[in-house]
PDB file of all heavy atoms in Angstrom:
ATOM      1  N   LYS A   1     104.906  99.543  91.247  1.00  0.00           N
ATOM      2  CA  LYS A   1     105.222  99.415  92.665  1.00  0.00           C
ATOM      3  C   LYS A   1     106.674  99.014  92.893  1.00  0.00           C
ATOM      4  O   LYS A   1     107.384  99.628  93.703  1.00  0.00           O
ATOM      5  CB  LYS A   1     104.290  98.389  93.301  1.00  0.00           C
ATOM      6  CG  LYS A   1     104.501  98.221  94.813  1.00  0.00           C
ATOM      7  CD  LYS A   1     103.513  97.217  95.387  1.00  0.00           C
ATOM      8  CE  LYS A   1     103.724  97.036  96.887  1.00  0.00           C
ATOM      9  NZ  LYS A   1     102.766  96.034  97.439  1.00  0.00           N
ATOM     10  N   SER A   2     107.135  97.998  92.158  1.00  0.00           N
ATOM     11  CA  SER A   2     108.497  97.515  92.368  1.00  0.00           C
ATOM     12  C   SER A   2     109.524  98.559  91.987  1.00  0.00           C
ATOM     13  O   SER A   2     110.560  98.703  92.648  1.00  0.00           O
ATOM     14  CB  SER A   2     108.723  96.220  91.595  1.00  0.00           C
ATOM     15  OG  SER A   2     108.590  96.433  90.205  1.00  0.00           O
ATOM     16  N   MET A   3     109.262  99.304  90.916  1.00  0.00           N
ATOM     17  CA  MET A   3     110.194 100.342  90.504  1.00  0.00           C
ATOM     18  C   MET A   3     110.222 101.480  91.520  1.00  0.00           C
ATOM     19  O   MET A   3     111.294 101.966  91.912  1.00  0.00           O
ATOM     20  CB  MET A   3     109.814 100.868  89.120  1.00  0.00           C
ATOM     21  CG  MET A   3     110.059  99.876  87.999  1.00  0.00           C
ATOM     22  SD  MET A   3     111.799  99.385  87.892  1.00  0.00           S
ATOM     23  CE  MET A   3     111.661  97.911  86.865  1.00  0.00           C
ATOM     24  N   THR A   4     109.052 101.912  91.960  1.00  0.00           N
ATOM     25  CA  THR A   4     108.986 103.004  92.934  1.00  0.00           C
ATOM     26  C   THR A   4     109.693 102.635  94.224  1.00  0.00           C
ATOM     27  O   THR A   4     110.421 103.453  94.810  1.00  0.00           O
ATOM     28  CB  THR A   4     107.515 103.362  93.227  1.00  0.00           C
ATOM     29  OG1 THR A   4     106.875 103.732  92.007  1.00  0.00           O
ATOM     30  CG2 THR A   4     107.427 104.526  94.206  1.00  0.00           C
ATOM     31  N   GLN A   5     109.513 101.393  94.661  1.00  0.00           N
ATOM     32  CA  GLN A   5     110.161 100.949  95.895  1.00  0.00           C
ATOM     33  C   GLN A   5     111.679 100.873  95.753  1.00  0.00           C
ATOM     34  O   GLN A   5     112.395 100.882  96.750  1.00  0.00           O
ATOM     35  CB  GLN A   5     109.603  99.576  96.308  1.00  0.00           C
ATOM     36  CG  GLN A   5     108.167  99.630  96.799  1.00  0.00           C
ATOM     37  CD  GLN A   5     107.616  98.259  97.132  1.00  0.00           C
ATOM     38  OE1 GLN A   5     108.130  97.228  96.676  1.00  0.00           O
ATOM     39  NE2 GLN A   5     106.555  98.223  97.922  1.00  0.00           N
ATOM     40  N   GLY A   6     112.154 100.810  94.505  1.00  0.00           N
ATOM     41  CA  GLY A   6     113.589 100.709  94.281  1.00  0.00           C
ATOM     42  C   GLY A   6     114.274 102.034  94.018  1.00  0.00           C
ATOM     43  O   GLY A   6     115.416 102.062  93.560  1.00  0.00           O
ATOM     44  N   ILE A   7     113.605 103.157  94.328  1.00  0.00           N
ATOM     45  CA  ILE A   7     114.183 104.465  93.997  1.00  0.00           C
ATOM     46  C   ILE A   7     115.540 104.697  94.640  1.00  0.00           C
ATOM     47  O   ILE A   7     116.421 105.308  94.038  1.00  0.00           O
ATOM     48  CB  ILE A   7     113.199 105.614  94.387  1.00  0.00           C
ATOM     49  CG1 ILE A   7     113.754 106.966  93.927  1.00  0.00           C
ATOM     50  CG2 ILE A   7     112.901 105.597  95.872  1.00  0.00           C
ATOM     51  CD1 ILE A   7     113.969 107.102  92.439  1.00  0.00           C
ATOM     52  N   GLN A   8     115.751 104.190  95.847  1.00  0.00           N
ATOM     53  CA  GLN A   8     117.046 104.418  96.509  1.00  0.00           C
ATOM     54  C   GLN A   8     118.163 103.624  95.843  1.00  0.00           C
ATOM     55  O   GLN A   8     119.327 103.987  95.960  1.00  0.00           O
ATOM     56  CB  GLN A   8     116.943 104.083  97.996  1.00  0.00           C
ATOM     57  CG  GLN A   8     116.025 105.019  98.779  1.00  0.00           C
ATOM     58  CD  GLN A   8     116.417 106.488  98.640  1.00  0.00           C
ATOM     59  OE1 GLN A   8     117.609 106.837  98.661  1.00  0.00           O
ATOM     60  NE2 GLN A   8     115.414 107.354  98.478  1.00  0.00           N
ATOM     61  N   PHE A   9     117.805 102.545  95.168  1.00  0.00           N
ATOM     62  CA  PHE A   9     118.801 101.813  94.379  1.00  0.00           C
ATOM     63  C   PHE A   9     119.172 102.609  93.138  1.00  0.00           C
ATOM     64  O   PHE A   9     120.347 102.774  92.808  1.00  0.00           O
ATOM     65  CB  PHE A   9     118.253 100.442  93.977  1.00  0.00           C
ATOM     66  CG  PHE A   9     119.061  99.730  92.922  1.00  0.00           C
ATOM     67  CD1 PHE A   9     120.272  99.140  93.223  1.00  0.00           C
ATOM     68  CD2 PHE A   9     118.609  99.668  91.603  1.00  0.00           C
ATOM     69  CE1 PHE A   9     121.018  98.489  92.248  1.00  0.00           C
ATOM     70  CE2 PHE A   9     119.330  99.021  90.616  1.00  0.00           C
ATOM     71  CZ  PHE A   9     120.551  98.428  90.946  1.00  0.00           C
ATOM     72  N   PHE A  10     118.154 103.137  92.469  1.00  0.00           N
ATOM     73  CA  PHE A  10     118.397 103.885  91.243  1.00  0.00           C
ATOM     74  C   PHE A  10     118.985 105.267  91.511  1.00  0.00           C
ATOM     75  O   PHE A  10     119.834 105.747  90.773  1.00  0.00           O
ATOM     76  CB  PHE A  10     117.081 104.048  90.468  1.00  0.00           C
ATOM     77  CG  PHE A  10     116.522 102.774  89.916  1.00  0.00           C
ATOM     78  CD1 PHE A  10     115.373 102.221  90.442  1.00  0.00           C
ATOM     79  CD2 PHE A  10     117.154 102.105  88.877  1.00  0.00           C
ATOM     80  CE1 PHE A  10     114.836 101.049  89.927  1.00  0.00           C
ATOM     81  CE2 PHE A  10     116.640 100.926  88.360  1.00  0.00           C
ATOM     82  CZ  PHE A  10     115.477 100.397  88.894  1.00  0.00           C
ATOM     83  N   ASN A  11     118.490 105.932  92.559  1.00  0.00           N
ATOM     84  CA  ASN A  11     118.897 107.309  92.844  1.00  0.00           C
ATOM     85  C   ASN A  11     119.025 107.503  94.359  1.00  0.00           C
ATOM     86  O   ASN A  11     118.115 108.013  95.015  1.00  0.00           O
ATOM     87  CB  ASN A  11     117.867 108.288  92.276  1.00  0.00           C
ATOM     88  CG  ASN A  11     118.285 109.736  92.406  1.00  0.00           C
ATOM     89  OD1 ASN A  11     119.355 110.040  92.935  1.00  0.00           O
ATOM     90  ND2 ASN A  11     117.451 110.644  91.942  1.00  0.00           N
ATOM     91  N   PRO A  12     120.157 107.060  94.935  1.00  0.00           N
ATOM     92  CA  PRO A  12     120.346 107.168  96.386  1.00  0.00           C
ATOM     93  C   PRO A  12     120.163 108.613  96.861  1.00  0.00           C
ATOM     94  O   PRO A  12     120.677 109.552  96.253  1.00  0.00           O
ATOM     95  CB  PRO A  12     121.791 106.710  96.580  1.00  0.00           C
ATOM     96  CG  PRO A  12     122.066 105.831  95.407  1.00  0.00           C
ATOM     97  CD  PRO A  12     121.305 106.431  94.263  1.00  0.00           C
ATOM     98  N   GLY A  13     119.396 108.773  97.938  1.00  0.00           N
ATOM     99  CA  GLY A  13     119.167 110.099  98.485  1.00  0.00           C
ATOM    100  C   GLY A  13     117.986 110.823  97.867  1.00  0.00           C
ATOM    101  O   GLY A  13     117.716 111.972  98.230  1.00  0.00           O
ATOM    102  N   PHE A  14     117.277 110.187  96.926  1.00  0.00           N
ATOM    103  CA  PHE A  14     116.126 110.833  96.300  1.00  0.00           C
ATOM    104  C   PHE A  14     115.096 111.214  97.364  1.00  0.00           C
ATOM    105  O   PHE A  14     114.791 110.455  98.270  1.00  0.00           O
ATOM    106  CB  PHE A  14     115.484 109.895  95.277  1.00  0.00           C
ATOM    107  CG  PHE A  14     114.269 110.468  94.596  1.00  0.00           C
ATOM    108  CD1 PHE A  14     114.402 111.254  93.465  1.00  0.00           C
ATOM    109  CD2 PHE A  14     112.991 110.230  95.101  1.00  0.00           C
ATOM    110  CE1 PHE A  14     113.288 111.792  92.838  1.00  0.00           C
ATOM    111  CE2 PHE A  14     111.867 110.761  94.484  1.00  0.00           C
ATOM    112  CZ  PHE A  14     112.017 111.551  93.351  1.00  0.00           C
ATOM    113  N   ASN A  15     114.526 112.407  97.210  1.00  0.00           N
ATOM    114  CA  ASN A  15     113.524 112.890  98.163  1.00  0.00           C
ATOM    115  C   ASN A  15     112.344 113.437  97.368  1.00  0.00           C
ATOM    116  O   ASN A  15     112.431 114.486  96.745  1.00  0.00           O
ATOM    117  CB  ASN A  15     114.117 113.981  99.060  1.00  0.00           C
ATOM    118  CG  ASN A  15     113.137 114.460 100.110  1.00  0.00           C
ATOM    119  OD1 ASN A  15     112.179 113.754 100.429  1.00  0.00           O
ATOM    120  ND2 ASN A  15     113.373 115.641 100.656  1.00  0.00           N
ATOM    121  N   GLY A  16     111.249 112.702  97.352  1.00  0.00           N
ATOM    122  CA  GLY A  16     110.083 113.120  96.602  1.00  0.00           C
ATOM    123  C   GLY A  16     108.962 112.120  96.758  1.00  0.00           C
ATOM    124  O   GLY A  16     109.089 111.106  97.456  1.00  0.00           O
ATOM    125  N   SER A  17     107.844 112.369  96.096  1.00  0.00           N
ATOM    126  CA  SER A  17     106.684 111.496  96.177  1.00  0.00           C
ATOM    127  C   SER A  17     106.900 110.219  95.363  1.00  0.00           C
ATOM    128  O   SER A  17     107.842 110.145  94.555  1.00  0.00           O
ATOM    129  CB  SER A  17     105.440 112.218  95.658  1.00  0.00           C
ATOM    130  OG  SER A  17     105.568 112.443  94.270  1.00  0.00           O
ATOM    131  N   ASP A  18     106.016 109.245  95.548  1.00  0.00           N
ATOM    132  CA  ASP A  18     106.087 108.025  94.762  1.00  0.00           C
ATOM    133  C   ASP A  18     105.884 108.315  93.271  1.00  0.00           C
ATOM    134  O   ASP A  18     106.513 107.685  92.418  1.00  0.00           O
ATOM    135  CB  ASP A  18     105.011 107.032  95.229  1.00  0.00           C
ATOM    136  CG  ASP A  18     105.368 106.375  96.565  1.00  0.00           C
ATOM    137  OD1 ASP A  18     106.503 106.574  97.040  1.00  0.00           O
ATOM    138  OD2 ASP A  18     104.503 105.674  97.114  1.00  0.00           O
ATOM    139  N   VAL A  19     105.009 109.268  92.972  1.00  0.00           N
ATOM    140  CA  VAL A  19     104.780 109.649  91.578  1.00  0.00           C
ATOM    141  C   VAL A  19     106.050 110.216  90.966  1.00  0.00           C
ATOM    142  O   VAL A  19     106.427 109.876  89.835  1.00  0.00           O
ATOM    143  CB  VAL A  19     103.628 110.673  91.475  1.00  0.00           C
ATOM    144  CG1 VAL A  19     103.526 111.228  90.055  1.00  0.00           C
ATOM    145  CG2 VAL A  19     102.308 110.035  91.893  1.00  0.00           C
ATOM    146  N   ASP A  20     106.713 111.088  91.716  1.00  0.00           N
ATOM    147  CA  ASP A  20     107.967 111.679  91.235  1.00  0.00           C
ATOM    148  C   ASP A  20     109.058 110.614  91.098  1.00  0.00           C
ATOM    149  O   ASP A  20     109.871 110.662  90.159  1.00  0.00           O
ATOM    150  CB  ASP A  20     108.439 112.769  92.183  1.00  0.00           C
ATOM    151  CG  ASP A  20     107.531 113.991  92.174  1.00  0.00           C
ATOM    152  OD1 ASP A  20     106.829 114.189  91.164  1.00  0.00           O
ATOM    153  OD2 ASP A  20     107.527 114.737  93.175  1.00  0.00           O
ATOM    154  N   ALA A  21     109.074 109.671  92.031  1.00  0.00           N
ATOM    155  CA  ALA A  21     110.079 108.614  91.998  1.00  0.00           C
ATOM    156  C   ALA A  21     109.913 107.749  90.749  1.00  0.00           C
ATOM    157  O   ALA A  21     110.891 107.432  90.063  1.00  0.00           O
ATOM    158  CB  ALA A  21     109.986 107.752  93.257  1.00  0.00           C
ATOM    159  N   LEU A  22     108.669 107.378  90.458  1.00  0.00           N
ATOM    160  CA  LEU A  22     108.415 106.555  89.280  1.00  0.00           C
ATOM    161  C   LEU A  22     108.803 107.298  88.014  1.00  0.00           C
ATOM    162  O   LEU A  22     109.434 106.730  87.117  1.00  0.00           O
ATOM    163  CB  LEU A  22     106.944 106.149  89.224  1.00  0.00           C
ATOM    164  CG  LEU A  22     106.551 105.265  88.039  1.00  0.00           C
ATOM    165  CD1 LEU A  22     107.296 103.930  88.088  1.00  0.00           C
ATOM    166  CD2 LEU A  22     105.043 105.035  88.017  1.00  0.00           C
ATOM    167  N   ARG A  23     108.446 108.576  87.943  1.00  0.00           N
ATOM    168  CA  ARG A  23     108.784 109.370  86.760  1.00  0.00           C
ATOM    169  C   ARG A  23     110.296 109.429  86.584  1.00  0.00           C
ATOM    170  O   ARG A  23     110.810 109.290  85.464  1.00  0.00           O
ATOM    171  CB  ARG A  23     108.219 110.785  86.913  1.00  0.00           C
ATOM    172  CG  ARG A  23     108.581 111.739  85.784  1.00  0.00           C
ATOM    173  CD  ARG A  23     107.632 111.600  84.623  1.00  0.00           C
ATOM    174  NE  ARG A  23     108.093 112.281  83.443  1.00  0.00           N
ATOM    175  CZ  ARG A  23     107.283 112.872  82.559  1.00  0.00           C
ATOM    176  NH1 ARG A  23     105.981 112.861  82.726  1.00  0.00           N
ATOM    177  NH2 ARG A  23     107.769 113.454  81.490  1.00  0.00           N
ATOM    178  N   TRP A  24     111.024 109.609  87.675  1.00  0.00           N
ATOM    179  CA  TRP A  24     112.489 109.691  87.589  1.00  0.00           C
ATOM    180  C   TRP A  24     113.065 108.377  87.067  1.00  0.00           C
ATOM    181  O   TRP A  24     113.934 108.367  86.185  1.00  0.00           O
ATOM    182  CB  TRP A  24     113.097 110.024  88.946  1.00  0.00           C
ATOM    183  CG  TRP A  24     114.562 110.365  88.852  1.00  0.00           C
ATOM    184  CD1 TRP A  24     115.103 111.617  88.753  1.00  0.00           C
ATOM    185  CD2 TRP A  24     115.662 109.432  88.799  1.00  0.00           C
ATOM    186  NE1 TRP A  24     116.477 111.526  88.640  1.00  0.00           N
ATOM    187  CE2 TRP A  24     116.841 110.195  88.663  1.00  0.00           C
ATOM    188  CE3 TRP A  24     115.752 108.049  88.855  1.00  0.00           C
ATOM    189  CZ2 TRP A  24     118.092 109.609  88.584  1.00  0.00           C
ATOM    190  CZ3 TRP A  24     117.016 107.457  88.761  1.00  0.00           C
ATOM    191  CH2 TRP A  24     118.170 108.238  88.631  1.00  0.00           C
ATOM    192  N   ILE A  25     112.588 107.270  87.601  1.00  0.00           N
ATOM    193  CA  ILE A  25     113.099 105.957  87.192  1.00  0.00           C
ATOM    194  C   ILE A  25     112.799 105.678  85.728  1.00  0.00           C
ATOM    195  O   ILE A  25     113.667 105.214  84.980  1.00  0.00           O
ATOM    196  CB  ILE A  25     112.526 104.840  88.094  1.00  0.00           C
ATOM    197  CG1 ILE A  25     113.060 104.985  89.508  1.00  0.00           C
ATOM    198  CG2 ILE A  25     112.868 103.466  87.534  1.00  0.00           C
ATOM    199  CD1 ILE A  25     112.351 104.113  90.529  1.00  0.00           C
ATOM    200  N   VAL A  26     111.568 105.947  85.319  1.00  0.00           N
ATOM    201  CA  VAL A  26     111.192 105.701  83.930  1.00  0.00           C
ATOM    202  C   VAL A  26     112.033 106.554  82.990  1.00  0.00           C
ATOM    203  O   VAL A  26     112.583 106.065  81.991  1.00  0.00           O
ATOM    204  CB  VAL A  26     109.693 105.964  83.708  1.00  0.00           C
ATOM    205  CG1 VAL A  26     109.361 105.905  82.221  1.00  0.00           C
ATOM    206  CG2 VAL A  26     108.854 104.952  84.467  1.00  0.00           C
ATOM    207  N   ASP A  27     112.154 107.843  83.284  1.00  0.00           N
ATOM    208  CA  ASP A  27     112.858 108.749  82.382  1.00  0.00           C
ATOM    209  C   ASP A  27     114.360 108.530  82.349  1.00  0.00           C
ATOM    210  O   ASP A  27     115.004 108.771  81.323  1.00  0.00           O
ATOM    211  CB  ASP A  27     112.574 110.207  82.786  1.00  0.00           C
ATOM    212  CG  ASP A  27     111.174 110.653  82.404  1.00  0.00           C
ATOM    213  OD1 ASP A  27     110.469 109.870  81.737  1.00  0.00           O
ATOM    214  OD2 ASP A  27     110.791 111.782  82.767  1.00  0.00           O
ATOM    215  N   ASN A  28     114.927 108.086  83.461  1.00  0.00           N
ATOM    216  CA  ASN A  28     116.375 107.961  83.542  1.00  0.00           C
ATOM    217  C   ASN A  28     116.908 106.549  83.383  1.00  0.00           C
ATOM    218  O   ASN A  28     118.047 106.376  82.949  1.00  0.00           O
ATOM    219  CB  ASN A  28     116.879 108.539  84.871  1.00  0.00           C
ATOM    220  CG  ASN A  28     116.750 110.046  84.952  1.00  0.00           C
ATOM    221  OD1 ASN A  28     117.615 110.770  84.491  1.00  0.00           O
ATOM    222  ND2 ASN A  28     115.641 110.516  85.497  1.00  0.00           N
ATOM    223  N   GLN A  29     116.081 105.562  83.722  1.00  0.00           N
ATOM    224  CA  GLN A  29     116.586 104.191  83.704  1.00  0.00           C
ATOM    225  C   GLN A  29     115.869 103.292  82.702  1.00  0.00           C
ATOM    226  O   GLN A  29     116.497 102.513  82.005  1.00  0.00           O
ATOM    227  CB  GLN A  29     116.461 103.576  85.100  1.00  0.00           C
ATOM    228  CG  GLN A  29     117.232 102.279  85.270  1.00  0.00           C
ATOM    229  CD  GLN A  29     118.737 102.482  85.311  1.00  0.00           C
ATOM    230  OE1 GLN A  29     119.221 103.404  85.952  1.00  0.00           O
ATOM    231  NE2 GLN A  29     119.479 101.625  84.609  1.00  0.00           N
ATOM    232  N   LEU A  30     114.560 103.394  82.616  1.00  0.00           N
ATOM    233  CA  LEU A  30     113.798 102.421  81.842  1.00  0.00           C
ATOM    234  C   LEU A  30     113.567 102.814  80.388  1.00  0.00           C
ATOM    235  O   LEU A  30     113.671 101.986  79.490  1.00  0.00           O
ATOM    236  CB  LEU A  30     112.429 102.168  82.503  1.00  0.00           C
ATOM    237  CG  LEU A  30     112.422 101.707  83.957  1.00  0.00           C
ATOM    238  CD1 LEU A  30     110.997 101.390  84.391  1.00  0.00           C
ATOM    239  CD2 LEU A  30     113.328 100.499  84.158  1.00  0.00           C
ATOM    240  N   SER A  31     113.209 104.076  80.152  1.00  0.00           N
ATOM    241  CA  SER A  31     112.721 104.477  78.827  1.00  0.00           C
ATOM    242  C   SER A  31     113.767 104.816  77.774  1.00  0.00           C
ATOM    243  O   SER A  31     113.521 104.588  76.584  1.00  0.00           O
ATOM    244  CB  SER A  31     111.776 105.686  78.967  1.00  0.00           C
ATOM    245  OG  SER A  31     110.522 105.263  79.427  1.00  0.00           O
ATOM    246  N   PRO A  32     114.908 105.393  78.129  1.00  0.00           N
ATOM    247  CA  PRO A  32     115.805 105.876  77.072  1.00  0.00           C
ATOM    248  C   PRO A  32     116.122 104.856  75.985  1.00  0.00           C
ATOM    249  O   PRO A  32     116.044 105.166  74.798  1.00  0.00           O
ATOM    250  CB  PRO A  32     117.059 106.299  77.856  1.00  0.00           C
ATOM    251  CG  PRO A  32     116.520 106.731  79.184  1.00  0.00           C
ATOM    252  CD  PRO A  32     115.419 105.772  79.480  1.00  0.00           C
ATOM    253  N   SER A  33     116.473 103.632  76.359  1.00  0.00           N
ATOM    254  CA  SER A  33     116.820 102.647  75.328  1.00  0.00           C
ATOM    255  C   SER A  33     115.632 102.189  74.501  1.00  0.00           C
ATOM    256  O   SER A  33     115.678 102.249  73.266  1.00  0.00           O
ATOM    257  CB  SER A  33     117.521 101.434  75.969  1.00  0.00           C
ATOM    258  OG  SER A  33     118.882 101.729  76.186  1.00  0.00           O
ATOM    259  N   PRO A  34     114.524 101.723  75.118  1.00  0.00           N
ATOM    260  CA  PRO A  34     113.389 101.288  74.287  1.00  0.00           C
ATOM    261  C   PRO A  34     112.831 102.380  73.392  1.00  0.00           C
ATOM    262  O   PRO A  34     112.472 102.113  72.245  1.00  0.00           O
ATOM    263  CB  PRO A  34     112.346 100.849  75.331  1.00  0.00           C
ATOM    264  CG  PRO A  34     113.135 100.501  76.534  1.00  0.00           C
ATOM    265  CD  PRO A  34     114.295 101.445  76.544  1.00  0.00           C
ATOM    266  N   LEU A  35     112.783 103.623  73.888  1.00  0.00           N
ATOM    267  CA  LEU A  35     112.221 104.717  73.091  1.00  0.00           C
ATOM    268  C   LEU A  35     113.162 105.123  71.977  1.00  0.00           C
ATOM    269  O   LEU A  35     112.756 105.262  70.817  1.00  0.00           O
ATOM    270  CB  LEU A  35     111.918 105.911  73.979  1.00  0.00           C
ATOM    271  CG  LEU A  35     110.891 105.721  75.094  1.00  0.00           C
ATOM    272  CD1 LEU A  35     110.743 107.012  75.894  1.00  0.00           C
ATOM    273  CD2 LEU A  35     109.544 105.268  74.539  1.00  0.00           C
ATOM    274  N   GLY A  36     114.420 105.350  72.321  1.00  0.00           N
ATOM    275  CA  GLY A  36     115.380 105.831  71.332  1.00  0.00           C
ATOM    276  C   GLY A  36     115.609 104.844  70.204  1.00  0.00           C
ATOM    277  O   GLY A  36     115.571 105.189  69.025  1.00  0.00           O
ATOM    278  N   ARG A  37     115.824 103.580  70.564  1.00  0.00           N
ATOM    279  CA  ARG A  37     116.116 102.600  69.516  1.00  0.00           C
ATOM    280  C   ARG A  37     114.892 102.317  68.652  1.00  0.00           C
ATOM    281  O   ARG A  37     115.032 102.077  67.444  1.00  0.00           O
ATOM    282  CB  ARG A  37     116.674 101.315  70.132  1.00  0.00           C
ATOM    283  CG  ARG A  37     115.694 100.497  70.951  1.00  0.00           C
ATOM    284  CD  ARG A  37     116.435  99.445  71.750  1.00  0.00           C
ATOM    285  NE  ARG A  37     115.529  98.575  72.500  1.00  0.00           N
ATOM    286  CZ  ARG A  37     115.928  97.814  73.518  1.00  0.00           C
ATOM    287  NH1 ARG A  37     117.199  97.812  73.891  1.00  0.00           N
ATOM    288  NH2 ARG A  37     115.081  97.030  74.156  1.00  0.00           N
ATOM    289  N   SER A  38     113.699 102.377  69.233  1.00  0.00           N
ATOM    290  CA  SER A  38     112.488 102.171  68.436  1.00  0.00           C
ATOM    291  C   SER A  38     112.273 103.319  67.463  1.00  0.00           C
ATOM    292  O   SER A  38     111.886 103.103  66.308  1.00  0.00           O
ATOM    293  CB  SER A  38     111.271 102.020  69.352  1.00  0.00           C
ATOM    294  OG  SER A  38     111.360 100.844  70.137  1.00  0.00           O
TER     295      SER A  38
END
């Protein structure tokens, strides 16, 4: 919920569903470092 609500902080002007917003945040902001380094 908190990540989805912050989509405009992560990606100003984003236009899409909450599901799409969460996917964008996870793929672009949250996951790259934990996944890659692990």
